[in-house]
């Protein structure tokens, strides 16, 4: 199984080498906490965290 990495720019969690949300290659394995966003337009959490696309996001990225 591929290791999950978090994007340092948008905090999206992915197993790919490039972030599918913001296309950044600045990924790190050092992250904690997770938020699953299913409907970003109706989610208070996505508004607070400035998330516009559904997916899996890290809460803390270092």
N, C-alpha and C. Protein backbone atom coordinates (compact mmCIF):
# COMPACT_ATOMS: atom_id res chain seq x y z
N UNK A 1 0.85 -1.19 0.00
CA UNK A 1 0.00 0.00 0.00
C UNK A 1 0.88 1.25 0.00
N UNK A 2 0.52 2.22 -0.81
CA UNK A 2 1.28 3.46 -0.93
C UNK A 2 1.11 4.32 0.32
N UNK A 3 2.14 5.06 0.65
CA UNK A 3 2.12 5.92 1.83
C UNK A 3 1.33 7.19 1.53
N UNK A 4 0.47 7.59 2.46
CA UNK A 4 -0.31 8.80 2.28
C UNK A 4 0.54 10.02 2.64
N UNK A 5 0.46 11.02 1.77
CA UNK A 5 1.21 12.26 1.95
C UNK A 5 0.21 13.42 1.96
N UNK A 6 0.55 14.48 2.68
CA UNK A 6 -0.31 15.67 2.73
C UNK A 6 0.37 16.81 1.99
N UNK A 7 -0.41 17.54 1.26
CA UNK A 7 0.08 18.71 0.53
C UNK A 7 0.30 19.85 1.51
N UNK A 8 1.45 20.49 1.42
CA UNK A 8 1.74 21.60 2.33
C UNK A 8 0.95 22.86 1.98
N UNK A 9 0.46 22.98 0.76
CA UNK A 9 -0.29 24.17 0.34
C UNK A 9 -1.77 24.07 0.71
N UNK A 10 -2.44 22.97 0.33
CA UNK A 10 -3.89 22.88 0.54
C UNK A 10 -4.29 21.81 1.57
N UNK A 11 -3.33 21.03 2.08
CA UNK A 11 -3.53 20.00 3.10
C UNK A 11 -4.30 18.76 2.60
N UNK A 12 -4.48 18.62 1.32
CA UNK A 12 -5.15 17.44 0.77
C UNK A 12 -4.25 16.22 0.97
N UNK A 13 -4.84 15.10 1.36
CA UNK A 13 -4.09 13.87 1.59
C UNK A 13 -4.21 13.00 0.34
N UNK A 14 -3.05 12.51 -0.15
CA UNK A 14 -3.03 11.75 -1.39
C UNK A 14 -1.91 10.71 -1.34
N UNK A 15 -2.02 9.72 -2.22
CA UNK A 15 -0.95 8.73 -2.39
C UNK A 15 -0.17 9.00 -3.67
N UNK A 16 -0.55 10.03 -4.40
CA UNK A 16 0.11 10.38 -5.65
C UNK A 16 1.35 11.24 -5.39
N UNK A 17 2.13 11.50 -6.43
CA UNK A 17 3.35 12.31 -6.30
C UNK A 17 3.07 13.81 -6.47
N UNK A 18 1.88 14.14 -7.00
CA UNK A 18 1.46 15.53 -7.18
C UNK A 18 0.06 15.66 -6.61
N UNK A 19 -0.20 16.75 -5.91
CA UNK A 19 -1.52 16.97 -5.32
C UNK A 19 -2.57 17.12 -6.42
N UNK A 20 -3.65 16.33 -6.36
CA UNK A 20 -4.70 16.42 -7.39
C UNK A 20 -5.56 17.68 -7.26
N UNK A 21 -5.50 18.36 -6.12
CA UNK A 21 -6.33 19.56 -5.91
C UNK A 21 -5.63 20.82 -6.41
N UNK A 22 -4.38 21.06 -5.94
CA UNK A 22 -3.69 22.31 -6.31
C UNK A 22 -2.49 22.09 -7.23
N UNK A 23 -2.22 20.85 -7.59
CA UNK A 23 -1.13 20.48 -8.51
C UNK A 23 0.27 20.77 -7.97
N UNK A 24 0.40 20.92 -6.65
CA UNK A 24 1.70 21.15 -6.03
C UNK A 24 2.42 19.81 -5.83
N UNK A 25 3.74 19.84 -5.88
CA UNK A 25 4.51 18.63 -5.59
C UNK A 25 5.17 18.72 -4.21
N UNK A 26 4.79 19.73 -3.44
CA UNK A 26 5.33 19.92 -2.09
C UNK A 26 4.50 19.10 -1.10
N UNK A 27 4.80 17.81 -1.04
CA UNK A 27 4.06 16.87 -0.18
C UNK A 27 4.93 16.42 0.97
N UNK A 28 4.31 16.07 2.09
CA UNK A 28 5.04 15.62 3.26
C UNK A 28 4.34 14.43 3.91
N UNK A 29 5.11 13.49 4.47
CA UNK A 29 4.51 12.39 5.22
C UNK A 29 4.22 12.77 6.67
N UNK A 30 4.62 13.98 7.07
CA UNK A 30 4.49 14.43 8.46
C UNK A 30 3.23 15.28 8.62
N UNK A 31 2.12 14.59 8.89
CA UNK A 31 0.84 15.26 9.09
C UNK A 31 0.04 14.50 10.14
N UNK A 32 -0.99 15.16 10.70
CA UNK A 32 -1.83 14.50 11.71
C UNK A 32 -3.26 15.01 11.61
N UNK A 33 -4.18 14.20 12.09
CA UNK A 33 -5.59 14.52 12.06
C UNK A 33 -6.15 14.44 10.66
N UNK A 34 -7.43 14.19 10.56
CA UNK A 34 -8.03 14.06 9.23
C UNK A 34 -9.46 14.62 9.24
N UNK A 35 -9.82 15.26 8.12
CA UNK A 35 -11.17 15.76 7.90
C UNK A 35 -11.61 15.20 6.55
N UNK A 36 -12.77 14.57 6.52
CA UNK A 36 -13.34 14.08 5.26
C UNK A 36 -14.45 15.03 4.85
N UNK A 37 -14.28 15.65 3.70
CA UNK A 37 -15.27 16.61 3.21
C UNK A 37 -16.02 15.97 2.05
N UNK A 38 -17.34 15.83 2.22
CA UNK A 38 -18.19 15.21 1.21
C UNK A 38 -18.92 16.27 0.39
N UNK A 39 -19.40 17.31 1.06
CA UNK A 39 -20.14 18.38 0.38
C UNK A 39 -19.59 19.74 0.83
N UNK A 40 -18.53 20.22 0.18
CA UNK A 40 -17.89 21.45 0.63
C UNK A 40 -18.78 22.69 0.60
N UNK A 41 -19.77 22.73 -0.25
CA UNK A 41 -20.63 23.92 -0.33
C UNK A 41 -21.57 24.04 0.87
N UNK A 42 -21.86 22.94 1.55
CA UNK A 42 -22.76 22.97 2.71
C UNK A 42 -22.06 22.62 4.02
N UNK A 43 -20.74 22.65 4.03
CA UNK A 43 -19.98 22.25 5.22
C UNK A 43 -19.38 23.45 5.93
N UNK A 44 -19.66 23.58 7.22
CA UNK A 44 -19.06 24.65 8.01
C UNK A 44 -17.55 24.45 8.13
N UNK A 45 -17.12 23.22 8.32
CA UNK A 45 -15.69 22.91 8.43
C UNK A 45 -14.95 23.32 7.16
N UNK A 46 -15.51 23.02 6.00
CA UNK A 46 -14.84 23.38 4.75
C UNK A 46 -14.76 24.89 4.59
N UNK A 47 -15.73 25.62 5.08
CA UNK A 47 -15.67 27.08 5.01
C UNK A 47 -14.59 27.62 5.94
N UNK A 48 -14.49 27.06 7.15
CA UNK A 48 -13.47 27.50 8.11
C UNK A 48 -12.07 27.18 7.60
N UNK A 49 -11.89 26.00 7.00
CA UNK A 49 -10.58 25.58 6.51
C UNK A 49 -10.31 25.98 5.06
N UNK A 50 -11.23 26.70 4.44
CA UNK A 50 -11.11 27.16 3.04
C UNK A 50 -10.94 26.00 2.06
N UNK A 51 -11.74 24.95 2.24
CA UNK A 51 -11.71 23.78 1.36
C UNK A 51 -12.83 23.93 0.33
N UNK A 52 -12.48 23.80 -0.95
CA UNK A 52 -13.48 23.97 -2.00
C UNK A 52 -13.79 22.68 -2.75
N UNK A 53 -12.96 21.65 -2.58
CA UNK A 53 -13.20 20.38 -3.27
C UNK A 53 -13.32 19.26 -2.25
N UNK A 54 -14.19 18.28 -2.55
CA UNK A 54 -14.38 17.18 -1.62
C UNK A 54 -13.13 16.30 -1.59
N UNK A 55 -12.93 15.64 -0.44
CA UNK A 55 -11.78 14.77 -0.31
C UNK A 55 -11.32 14.63 1.13
N UNK A 56 -10.13 14.07 1.29
CA UNK A 56 -9.53 13.82 2.59
C UNK A 56 -8.45 14.87 2.83
N UNK A 57 -8.53 15.57 3.97
CA UNK A 57 -7.60 16.66 4.27
C UNK A 57 -6.99 16.46 5.65
N UNK A 58 -5.73 16.86 5.79
CA UNK A 58 -5.03 16.82 7.06
C UNK A 58 -5.39 18.05 7.87
N UNK A 59 -5.44 17.90 9.19
CA UNK A 59 -5.70 19.04 10.05
C UNK A 59 -4.40 19.81 10.32
N UNK A 60 -3.32 19.07 10.57
CA UNK A 60 -2.02 19.70 10.85
C UNK A 60 -0.97 19.13 9.90
N UNK A 61 -0.27 20.01 9.20
CA UNK A 61 0.79 19.61 8.28
C UNK A 61 2.06 20.34 8.69
N UNK A 62 3.16 19.57 8.84
CA UNK A 62 4.43 20.22 9.20
C UNK A 62 5.48 19.99 8.14
